[in-house]
C-alpha atoms as a PDB file:
ATOM      1  CA  UNK A   1     -53.374  21.421  36.609  1.00  0.00           C
ATOM      2  CA  UNK A   2     -51.704  23.823  39.012  1.00  0.00           C
ATOM      3  CA  UNK A   3     -52.826  25.534  42.165  1.00  0.00           C
ATOM      4  CA  UNK A   4     -56.067  27.493  41.797  1.00  0.00           C
ATOM      5  CA  UNK A   5     -55.382  30.093  44.481  1.00  0.00           C
ATOM      6  CA  UNK A   6     -57.898  28.808  46.996  1.00  0.00           C
ATOM      7  CA  UNK A   7     -58.818  25.529  48.571  1.00  0.00           C
ATOM      8  CA  UNK A   8     -61.463  23.554  46.773  1.00  0.00           C
ATOM      9  CA  UNK A   9     -63.412  20.496  47.944  1.00  0.00           C
ATOM     10  CA  UNK A  10     -60.978  18.289  45.990  1.00  0.00           C
ATOM     11  CA  UNK A  11     -57.945  19.565  47.891  1.00  0.00           C
ATOM     12  CA  UNK A  12     -56.491  18.111  51.058  1.00  0.00           C
ATOM     13  CA  UNK A  13     -54.164  19.749  53.520  1.00  0.00           C
ATOM     14  CA  UNK A  14     -51.117  17.720  54.518  1.00  0.00           C
ATOM     15  CA  UNK A  15     -48.244  18.268  56.874  1.00  0.00           C
ATOM     16  CA  UNK A  16     -44.798  17.352  55.598  1.00  0.00           C
ATOM     17  CA  UNK A  17     -41.366  17.634  57.160  1.00  0.00           C
ATOM     18  CA  UNK A  18     -38.544  19.103  55.088  1.00  0.00           C
ATOM     19  CA  UNK A  19     -35.006  20.049  56.026  1.00  0.00           C
ATOM     20  CA  UNK A  20     -34.749  23.813  56.609  1.00  0.00           C
ATOM     21  CA  UNK A  21     -32.322  24.301  53.717  1.00  0.00           C
ATOM     22  CA  UNK A  22     -34.655  22.506  51.296  1.00  0.00           C
ATOM     23  CA  UNK A  23     -37.647  24.511  52.468  1.00  0.00           C
ATOM     24  CA  UNK A  24     -35.669  27.717  51.920  1.00  0.00           C
ATOM     25  CA  UNK A  25     -34.940  26.612  48.337  1.00  0.00           C
ATOM     26  CA  UNK A  26     -38.608  25.722  47.784  1.00  0.00           C
ATOM     27  CA  UNK A  27     -39.697  29.128  49.054  1.00  0.00           C
ATOM     28  CA  UNK A  28     -37.063  30.899  46.961  1.00  0.00           C
ATOM     29  CA  UNK A  29     -38.159  29.089  43.812  1.00  0.00           C
ATOM     30  CA  UNK A  30     -41.850  29.658  44.561  1.00  0.00           C
ATOM     31  CA  UNK A  31     -41.199  33.402  44.866  1.00  0.00           C
ATOM     32  CA  UNK A  32     -39.149  33.381  41.642  1.00  0.00           C
ATOM     33  CA  UNK A  33     -42.049  31.749  39.800  1.00  0.00           C
ATOM     34  CA  UNK A  34     -44.699  33.840  41.566  1.00  0.00           C
ATOM     35  CA  UNK A  35     -46.317  30.678  42.929  1.00  0.00           C
ATOM     36  CA  UNK A  36     -47.401  29.610  46.339  1.00  0.00           C
ATOM     37  CA  UNK A  37     -45.342  27.006  48.137  1.00  0.00           C
ATOM     38  CA  UNK A  38     -48.249  24.573  47.689  1.00  0.00           C
ATOM     39  CA  UNK A  39     -48.424  25.205  43.954  1.00  0.00           C
ATOM     40  CA  UNK A  40     -44.696  24.619  43.515  1.00  0.00           C
ATOM     41  CA  UNK A  41     -44.776  21.409  45.552  1.00  0.00           C
ATOM     42  CA  UNK A  42     -47.864  20.181  43.660  1.00  0.00           C
ATOM     43  CA  UNK A  43     -46.102  20.868  40.341  1.00  0.00           C
ATOM     44  CA  UNK A  44     -42.972  19.063  41.514  1.00  0.00           C
ATOM     45  CA  UNK A  45     -44.996  16.079  42.773  1.00  0.00           C
ATOM     46  CA  UNK A  46     -46.925  15.810  39.487  1.00  0.00           C
ATOM     47  CA  UNK A  47     -43.678  15.956  37.501  1.00  0.00           C
ATOM     48  CA  UNK A  48     -41.998  13.323  39.659  1.00  0.00           C
ATOM     49  CA  UNK A  49     -45.009  11.006  39.566  1.00  0.00           C
ATOM     50  CA  UNK A  50     -45.236  11.399  35.793  1.00  0.00           C
ATOM     51  CA  UNK A  51     -41.677  10.235  35.201  1.00  0.00           C
ATOM     52  CA  UNK A  52     -41.152   6.874  33.640  1.00  0.00           C
ATOM     53  CA  UNK A  53     -40.000   4.051  35.830  1.00  0.00           C
ATOM     54  CA  UNK A  54     -36.190   3.785  35.366  1.00  0.00           C
ATOM     55  CA  UNK A  55     -36.329  -0.023  35.398  1.00  0.00           C
ATOM     56  CA  UNK A  56     -38.967  -0.027  32.647  1.00  0.00           C
ATOM     57  CA  UNK A  57     -36.844   2.350  30.564  1.00  0.00           C
ATOM     58  CA  UNK A  58     -33.763   0.149  31.040  1.00  0.00           C
ATOM     59  CA  UNK A  59     -35.762  -2.928  30.027  1.00  0.00           C
ATOM     60  CA  UNK A  60     -37.033  -1.149  26.895  1.00  0.00           C
ATOM     61  CA  UNK A  61     -33.487  -0.133  25.960  1.00  0.00           C
ATOM     62  CA  UNK A  62     -32.279  -3.723  26.454  1.00  0.00           C
ATOM     63  CA  UNK A  63     -35.110  -5.022  24.243  1.00  0.00           C
ATOM     64  CA  UNK A  64     -34.167  -2.525  21.519  1.00  0.00           C
ATOM     65  CA  UNK A  65     -30.508  -3.473  21.748  1.00  0.00           C
ATOM     66  CA  UNK A  66     -31.428  -7.147  21.388  1.00  0.00           C
ATOM     67  CA  UNK A  67     -33.775  -6.404  18.505  1.00  0.00           C
ATOM     68  CA  UNK A  68     -31.050  -4.555  16.574  1.00  0.00           C
ATOM     69  CA  UNK A  69     -28.056  -6.658  17.637  1.00  0.00           C
ATOM     70  CA  UNK A  70     -27.744  -8.137  14.129  1.00  0.00           C
ATOM     71  CA  UNK A  71     -27.534  -4.722  12.436  1.00  0.00           C
ATOM     72  CA  UNK A  72     -24.044  -3.753  11.332  1.00  0.00           C
ATOM     73  CA  UNK A  73     -22.405  -0.832  13.104  1.00  0.00           C
ATOM     74  CA  UNK A  74     -22.096   2.419  11.162  1.00  0.00           C
ATOM     75  CA  UNK A  75     -20.787   5.947  11.593  1.00  0.00           C
ATOM     76  CA  UNK A  76     -23.806   8.258  11.552  1.00  0.00           C
ATOM     77  CA  UNK A  77     -21.656  11.349  10.923  1.00  0.00           C
ATOM     78  CA  UNK A  78     -20.129   9.699   7.861  1.00  0.00           C
ATOM     79  CA  UNK A  79     -23.605   8.896   6.512  1.00  0.00           C
ATOM     80  CA  UNK A  80     -24.733  12.494   7.003  1.00  0.00           C
ATOM     81  CA  UNK A  81     -21.583  13.836   5.295  1.00  0.00           C
ATOM     82  CA  UNK A  82     -22.028  11.416   2.409  1.00  0.00           C
ATOM     83  CA  UNK A  83     -25.652  12.427   1.962  1.00  0.00           C
ATOM     84  CA  UNK A  84     -24.781  16.124   2.178  1.00  0.00           C
ATOM     85  CA  UNK A  85     -21.971  15.760  -0.370  1.00  0.00           C
ATOM     86  CA  UNK A  86     -24.237  13.839  -2.734  1.00  0.00           C
ATOM     87  CA  UNK A  87     -26.681  16.765  -2.773  1.00  0.00           C
ATOM     88  CA  UNK A  88     -24.080  19.294  -3.890  1.00  0.00           C
END
């Protein structure tokens, strides 16, 4: 999934523009991880692209809240304490 160490037919070269301070941080982190700059940027891009869409997450949370709106509120810590005390 990461950088293989050499260019392969499936790889493309791209030119990107980054602020100098960001590039310095990228290079610093790449050295810390013993990766090439390309490998670190590929890893970061894969991670970012794999993140869930924030709007979809918010919609899922809203659906769950609606689904459980009729459930009475409870104190989870009190339930855990009660269960723990019952086991003694």
